[in-house]
């Protein structure tokens, strides 16, 4: 699975325009996180159809990149994110994005967009 990372202008309607374009093709967004800094925002997201998502982004001229995603179920207690991030860092893995992607019982399933999925999978066990 890959996450798409897209830069958008930090103005009203930017996210709506992207989300509408994806929805028009019948693509479901399965996880997302975003933030802004000044005039630009960045959205990282996963979908249920990566090929169609690439097509939408390319057809509409959005500049984007993809990063592989590795998921891990973390206990919902203080320190578990710190521990996972430390294991990834110690393995030389750069975290490009992260966001919650669901629940596994009482655990939070985190999606980590990384630069090395194999090393991340080994580090997170």
N, C-alpha and C. Protein backbone atom coordinates (compact mmCIF):
# COMPACT_ATOMS: atom_id res chain seq x y z
N UNK A 1 0.85 -1.17 0.00
CA UNK A 1 0.00 0.00 0.00
C UNK A 1 0.90 1.24 0.00
N UNK A 2 0.46 2.27 -0.72
CA UNK A 2 1.18 3.54 -0.77
C UNK A 2 0.30 4.67 -0.26
N UNK A 3 0.95 5.69 0.27
CA UNK A 3 0.27 6.94 0.59
C UNK A 3 0.65 7.95 -0.48
N UNK A 4 -0.31 8.77 -0.84
CA UNK A 4 -0.08 9.87 -1.77
C UNK A 4 0.13 11.13 -0.95
N UNK A 5 1.15 11.91 -1.29
CA UNK A 5 1.41 13.17 -0.61
C UNK A 5 1.28 14.28 -1.65
N UNK A 6 0.34 15.20 -1.39
CA UNK A 6 0.00 16.25 -2.35
C UNK A 6 0.11 17.61 -1.67
N UNK A 7 0.75 18.56 -2.34
CA UNK A 7 0.76 19.94 -1.86
C UNK A 7 -0.44 20.66 -2.44
N UNK A 8 -1.12 21.40 -1.58
CA UNK A 8 -2.29 22.17 -1.98
C UNK A 8 -2.14 23.61 -1.50
N UNK A 9 -2.74 24.56 -2.20
CA UNK A 9 -2.73 25.93 -1.68
C UNK A 9 -3.52 26.00 -0.38
N UNK A 10 -3.05 26.80 0.55
CA UNK A 10 -3.72 26.97 1.83
C UNK A 10 -4.81 28.03 1.67
N UNK A 11 -5.93 27.60 1.09
CA UNK A 11 -7.06 28.51 0.91
C UNK A 11 -8.35 27.70 0.91
N UNK A 12 -9.46 28.35 1.22
CA UNK A 12 -10.74 27.64 1.30
C UNK A 12 -11.06 26.89 0.01
N UNK A 13 -11.49 25.65 0.16
CA UNK A 13 -11.93 24.86 -0.98
C UNK A 13 -10.88 23.96 -1.60
N UNK A 14 -9.61 24.11 -1.23
CA UNK A 14 -8.56 23.29 -1.85
C UNK A 14 -8.77 21.81 -1.56
N UNK A 15 -9.00 21.46 -0.31
CA UNK A 15 -9.24 20.06 0.04
C UNK A 15 -10.51 19.56 -0.61
N UNK A 16 -11.55 20.38 -0.62
CA UNK A 16 -12.82 19.97 -1.24
C UNK A 16 -12.63 19.63 -2.71
N UNK A 17 -11.85 20.44 -3.43
CA UNK A 17 -11.63 20.21 -4.85
C UNK A 17 -10.94 18.86 -5.08
N UNK A 18 -9.93 18.56 -4.27
CA UNK A 18 -9.22 17.29 -4.40
C UNK A 18 -10.14 16.12 -4.03
N UNK A 19 -10.83 16.24 -2.91
CA UNK A 19 -11.71 15.16 -2.46
C UNK A 19 -12.84 14.90 -3.46
N UNK A 20 -13.38 15.95 -4.04
CA UNK A 20 -14.45 15.78 -5.03
C UNK A 20 -13.94 15.07 -6.28
N UNK A 21 -12.74 15.43 -6.73
CA UNK A 21 -12.18 14.78 -7.92
C UNK A 21 -11.98 13.29 -7.68
N UNK A 22 -11.53 12.94 -6.49
CA UNK A 22 -11.33 11.53 -6.15
C UNK A 22 -12.68 10.81 -6.06
N UNK A 23 -13.64 11.44 -5.40
CA UNK A 23 -14.97 10.83 -5.23
C UNK A 23 -15.68 10.63 -6.57
N UNK A 24 -15.49 11.56 -7.51
CA UNK A 24 -16.14 11.46 -8.82
C UNK A 24 -15.74 10.17 -9.55
N UNK A 25 -14.56 9.64 -9.25
CA UNK A 25 -14.10 8.39 -9.87
C UNK A 25 -14.48 7.17 -9.04
N UNK A 26 -15.25 7.37 -7.97
CA UNK A 26 -15.67 6.25 -7.14
C UNK A 26 -14.58 5.71 -6.24
N UNK A 27 -13.58 6.53 -5.94
CA UNK A 27 -12.46 6.12 -5.10
C UNK A 27 -12.76 6.51 -3.66
N UNK A 28 -12.48 5.59 -2.74
CA UNK A 28 -12.69 5.85 -1.32
C UNK A 28 -11.37 6.22 -0.66
N UNK A 29 -11.34 7.32 0.07
CA UNK A 29 -10.18 7.70 0.87
C UNK A 29 -10.25 6.88 2.15
N UNK A 30 -9.19 6.11 2.44
CA UNK A 30 -9.20 5.19 3.57
C UNK A 30 -8.41 5.70 4.78
N UNK A 31 -7.65 6.76 4.60
CA UNK A 31 -6.91 7.37 5.70
C UNK A 31 -6.31 8.67 5.21
N UNK A 32 -6.16 9.64 6.11
CA UNK A 32 -5.62 10.93 5.68
C UNK A 32 -5.11 11.72 6.87
N UNK A 33 -4.15 12.59 6.57
CA UNK A 33 -3.65 13.57 7.53
C UNK A 33 -3.17 14.77 6.73
N UNK A 34 -3.35 15.94 7.29
CA UNK A 34 -2.91 17.13 6.59
C UNK A 34 -2.49 18.21 7.56
N UNK A 35 -1.74 19.16 7.04
CA UNK A 35 -1.31 20.31 7.83
C UNK A 35 -0.96 21.43 6.87
N UNK A 36 -0.94 22.65 7.39
CA UNK A 36 -0.56 23.80 6.59
C UNK A 36 0.62 24.51 7.24
N UNK A 37 1.34 25.25 6.41
CA UNK A 37 2.42 26.12 6.88
C UNK A 37 2.48 27.28 5.89
N UNK A 38 2.03 28.43 6.35
CA UNK A 38 2.00 29.58 5.45
C UNK A 38 0.98 29.42 4.35
N UNK A 39 1.41 29.59 3.11
CA UNK A 39 0.50 29.57 1.97
C UNK A 39 0.26 28.18 1.39
N UNK A 40 0.91 27.16 1.96
CA UNK A 40 0.84 25.81 1.39
C UNK A 40 0.38 24.81 2.44
N UNK A 41 -0.38 23.83 1.99
CA UNK A 41 -0.77 22.72 2.84
C UNK A 41 -0.33 21.43 2.19
N UNK A 42 -0.18 20.40 2.99
CA UNK A 42 0.18 19.08 2.48
C UNK A 42 -0.84 18.09 2.99
N UNK A 43 -1.33 17.26 2.09
CA UNK A 43 -2.26 16.20 2.44
C UNK A 43 -1.59 14.87 2.11
N UNK A 44 -1.56 13.97 3.08
CA UNK A 44 -1.11 12.60 2.85
C UNK A 44 -2.33 11.71 3.03
N UNK A 45 -2.56 10.80 2.08
CA UNK A 45 -3.75 9.97 2.16
C UNK A 45 -3.56 8.65 1.45
N UNK A 46 -4.39 7.69 1.84
CA UNK A 46 -4.45 6.39 1.19
C UNK A 46 -5.85 6.22 0.61
N UNK A 47 -5.96 5.37 -0.40
CA UNK A 47 -7.25 5.10 -1.02
C UNK A 47 -7.41 3.61 -1.27
N UNK A 48 -8.61 3.25 -1.71
CA UNK A 48 -8.87 1.85 -2.04
C UNK A 48 -8.54 1.52 -3.49
N UNK A 49 -8.01 2.49 -4.26
CA UNK A 49 -7.67 2.24 -5.65
C UNK A 49 -6.50 3.15 -6.05
N UNK A 50 -5.28 2.66 -5.86
CA UNK A 50 -4.10 3.48 -6.11
C UNK A 50 -3.96 3.86 -7.58
N UNK A 51 -4.24 2.94 -8.48
CA UNK A 51 -4.11 3.24 -9.91
C UNK A 51 -5.04 4.36 -10.34
N UNK A 52 -6.28 4.28 -9.93
CA UNK A 52 -7.25 5.33 -10.28
C UNK A 52 -6.88 6.65 -9.61
N UNK A 53 -6.34 6.59 -8.40
CA UNK A 53 -5.93 7.82 -7.71
C UNK A 53 -4.80 8.49 -8.46
N UNK A 54 -3.81 7.71 -8.92
CA UNK A 54 -2.73 8.27 -9.74
C UNK A 54 -3.30 8.97 -10.97
N UNK A 55 -4.29 8.33 -11.59
CA UNK A 55 -4.92 8.92 -12.77
C UNK A 55 -5.59 10.24 -12.48
N UNK A 56 -6.35 10.31 -11.39
CA UNK A 56 -7.03 11.56 -11.02
C UNK A 56 -6.00 12.66 -10.76
N UNK A 57 -5.00 12.35 -9.96
CA UNK A 57 -4.00 13.37 -9.62
C UNK A 57 -3.27 13.86 -10.87
N UNK A 58 -2.89 12.92 -11.73
CA UNK A 58 -2.20 13.29 -12.97
C UNK A 58 -3.08 14.07 -13.92
N UNK A 59 -4.33 13.62 -14.09
CA UNK A 59 -5.26 14.29 -15.00
C UNK A 59 -5.53 15.73 -14.57
N UNK A 60 -5.58 15.96 -13.27
CA UNK A 60 -5.88 17.29 -12.75
C UNK A 60 -4.63 18.15 -12.56
N UNK A 61 -3.46 17.59 -12.83
CA UNK A 61 -2.23 18.36 -12.76
C UNK A 61 -1.68 18.59 -11.36
N UNK A 62 -2.15 17.82 -10.37
CA UNK A 62 -1.61 17.97 -9.03
C UNK A 62 -0.23 17.33 -8.96
N UNK A 63 0.70 18.02 -8.36
CA UNK A 63 2.03 17.46 -8.13
C UNK A 63 1.93 16.58 -6.89
N UNK A 64 2.38 15.35 -7.01
CA UNK A 64 2.28 14.42 -5.89
C UNK A 64 3.45 13.46 -5.91
N UNK A 65 3.62 12.80 -4.79
CA UNK A 65 4.58 11.70 -4.72
C UNK A 65 3.95 10.60 -3.88
N UNK A 66 4.52 9.42 -3.98
CA UNK A 66 4.01 8.28 -3.24
C UNK A 66 5.09 7.74 -2.32
N UNK A 67 4.66 7.25 -1.17
CA UNK A 67 5.57 6.58 -0.24
C UNK A 67 4.90 5.29 0.22
N UNK A 68 5.69 4.24 0.42
CA UNK A 68 5.09 3.00 0.92
C UNK A 68 4.60 3.17 2.35
N UNK A 69 3.54 2.45 2.68
CA UNK A 69 2.94 2.52 4.01
C UNK A 69 3.10 1.18 4.72
N UNK A 70 3.50 1.26 5.98
CA UNK A 70 3.56 0.10 6.86
C UNK A 70 2.66 0.42 8.05
N UNK A 71 1.84 -0.54 8.45
CA UNK A 71 0.95 -0.29 9.59
C UNK A 71 1.43 -1.06 10.82
N UNK A 72 1.09 -0.51 11.96
CA UNK A 72 1.40 -1.15 13.24
C UNK A 72 0.27 -0.86 14.20
N UNK A 73 -0.12 -1.85 14.98
CA UNK A 73 -1.14 -1.67 16.01
C UNK A 73 -0.45 -1.32 17.31
N UNK A 74 -0.76 -0.13 17.83
CA UNK A 74 -0.12 0.39 19.02
C UNK A 74 -1.10 0.44 20.18
N UNK A 75 -0.64 0.06 21.35
CA UNK A 75 -1.46 0.19 22.55
C UNK A 75 -1.85 1.66 22.70
N UNK A 76 -3.04 1.90 23.18
CA UNK A 76 -3.55 3.26 23.37
C UNK A 76 -3.14 3.78 24.75
N UNK A 77 -1.82 3.88 24.95
CA UNK A 77 -1.25 4.36 26.22
C UNK A 77 -0.05 5.25 25.91
N UNK A 78 0.32 6.13 26.84
CA UNK A 78 1.46 7.00 26.61
C UNK A 78 2.74 6.21 26.32
N UNK A 79 3.50 6.69 25.36
CA UNK A 79 4.81 6.12 25.07
C UNK A 79 4.87 5.14 23.92
N UNK A 80 3.72 4.62 23.47
CA UNK A 80 3.80 3.61 22.41
C UNK A 80 4.20 4.23 21.07
N UNK A 81 3.73 5.43 20.78
CA UNK A 81 4.17 6.10 19.55
C UNK A 81 5.66 6.41 19.64
N UNK A 82 6.11 6.89 20.80
CA UNK A 82 7.53 7.18 20.98
C UNK A 82 8.38 5.93 20.74
N UNK A 83 7.93 4.80 21.26
CA UNK A 83 8.66 3.55 21.09
C UNK A 83 8.72 3.14 19.62
N UNK A 84 7.59 3.22 18.93
CA UNK A 84 7.56 2.85 17.51
C UNK A 84 8.45 3.78 16.69
N UNK A 85 8.37 5.08 16.97
CA UNK A 85 9.19 6.05 16.24
C UNK A 85 10.68 5.81 16.51
N UNK A 86 11.04 5.47 17.74
CA UNK A 86 12.44 5.19 18.07
C UNK A 86 12.92 3.96 17.34
N UNK A 87 12.10 2.89 17.30
CA UNK A 87 12.50 1.67 16.59
C UNK A 87 12.73 1.97 15.10
N UNK A 88 11.85 2.77 14.51
CA UNK A 88 12.03 3.14 13.10
C UNK A 88 13.29 3.97 12.91
N UNK A 89 13.48 4.96 13.77
CA UNK A 89 14.67 5.81 13.67
C UNK A 89 15.95 5.01 13.83
N UNK A 90 15.97 4.11 14.81
CA UNK A 90 17.16 3.29 15.04
C UNK A 90 17.44 2.37 13.87
N UNK A 91 16.40 2.01 13.11
CA UNK A 91 16.57 1.16 11.93
C UNK A 91 16.94 1.98 10.69
N UNK A 92 17.08 3.30 10.86
CA UNK A 92 17.44 4.16 9.73
C UNK A 92 16.27 4.49 8.82
N UNK A 93 15.06 4.31 9.31
CA UNK A 93 13.85 4.55 8.51
C UNK A 93 13.37 5.98 8.75
N UNK A 94 13.14 6.72 7.67
CA UNK A 94 12.58 8.06 7.77
C UNK A 94 11.06 7.98 7.65
N UNK A 95 10.36 8.59 8.60
CA UNK A 95 8.90 8.65 8.57
C UNK A 95 8.51 9.90 7.79
N UNK A 96 7.84 9.70 6.65
CA UNK A 96 7.43 10.81 5.79
C UNK A 96 6.05 11.34 6.18
N UNK A 97 5.20 10.46 6.69
CA UNK A 97 3.86 10.83 7.15
C UNK A 97 3.37 9.75 8.09
N UNK A 98 2.38 10.06 8.88
CA UNK A 98 1.74 9.05 9.72
C UNK A 98 0.33 9.52 10.05
N UNK A 99 -0.55 8.56 10.20
CA UNK A 99 -1.92 8.89 10.59
C UNK A 99 -2.61 7.63 11.08
N UNK A 100 -3.61 7.78 11.97
CA UNK A 100 -4.36 6.61 12.41
C UNK A 100 -5.19 6.07 11.25
N UNK A 101 -5.22 4.76 11.13
CA UNK A 101 -5.98 4.16 10.03
C UNK A 101 -7.06 3.20 10.52
N UNK A 102 -7.29 3.17 11.82
CA UNK A 102 -8.36 2.33 12.35
C UNK A 102 -8.02 1.83 13.74
N UNK A 103 -8.84 0.92 14.21
CA UNK A 103 -8.66 0.32 15.53
C UNK A 103 -8.57 -1.19 15.37
N UNK A 104 -7.74 -1.80 16.19
CA UNK A 104 -7.66 -3.26 16.31
C UNK A 104 -7.98 -3.57 17.76
N UNK A 105 -9.27 -3.74 18.05
CA UNK A 105 -9.70 -3.90 19.44
C UNK A 105 -9.44 -2.61 20.18
N UNK A 106 -8.61 -2.66 21.21
CA UNK A 106 -8.28 -1.45 21.98
C UNK A 106 -7.00 -0.78 21.48
N UNK A 107 -6.40 -1.32 20.43
CA UNK A 107 -5.17 -0.75 19.87
C UNK A 107 -5.48 0.18 18.70
N UNK A 108 -4.66 1.21 18.56
CA UNK A 108 -4.77 2.14 17.45
C UNK A 108 -3.87 1.65 16.32
N UNK A 109 -4.45 1.46 15.14
CA UNK A 109 -3.66 1.06 13.98
C UNK A 109 -3.11 2.33 13.33
N UNK A 110 -1.78 2.46 13.33
CA UNK A 110 -1.12 3.62 12.75
C UNK A 110 -0.54 3.25 11.39
N UNK A 111 -0.72 4.13 10.44
CA UNK A 111 -0.12 3.98 9.12
C UNK A 111 1.09 4.90 9.07
N UNK A 112 2.24 4.32 8.80
CA UNK A 112 3.49 5.07 8.69
C UNK A 112 3.91 5.08 7.22
N UNK A 113 3.96 6.26 6.60
CA UNK A 113 4.53 6.40 5.26
C UNK A 113 6.02 6.56 5.43
N UNK A 114 6.79 5.66 4.85
CA UNK A 114 8.23 5.59 5.13
C UNK A 114 9.06 5.52 3.85
N UNK A 115 10.36 5.69 4.02
CA UNK A 115 11.25 5.61 2.86
C UNK A 115 11.77 4.20 2.61
N UNK A 116 11.56 3.27 3.55
CA UNK A 116 12.04 1.90 3.39
C UNK A 116 11.06 0.96 4.10
N UNK A 117 10.12 0.42 3.33
CA UNK A 117 9.06 -0.41 3.91
C UNK A 117 9.60 -1.70 4.51
N UNK A 118 10.58 -2.33 3.88
CA UNK A 118 11.12 -3.58 4.41
C UNK A 118 11.76 -3.37 5.78
N UNK A 119 12.60 -2.35 5.89
CA UNK A 119 13.25 -2.06 7.17
C UNK A 119 12.22 -1.66 8.23
N UNK A 120 11.20 -0.91 7.82
CA UNK A 120 10.15 -0.50 8.76
C UNK A 120 9.38 -1.70 9.27
N UNK A 121 9.04 -2.62 8.39
CA UNK A 121 8.31 -3.82 8.80
C UNK A 121 9.12 -4.63 9.80
N UNK A 122 10.41 -4.78 9.54
CA UNK A 122 11.27 -5.51 10.47
C UNK A 122 11.34 -4.78 11.82
N UNK A 123 11.49 -3.47 11.79
CA UNK A 123 11.64 -2.69 13.02
C UNK A 123 10.37 -2.73 13.87
N UNK A 124 9.22 -2.73 13.23
CA UNK A 124 7.96 -2.70 13.96
C UNK A 124 7.47 -4.09 14.34
N UNK A 125 8.13 -5.12 13.75
CA UNK A 125 7.79 -6.50 14.09
C UNK A 125 6.47 -6.88 13.57
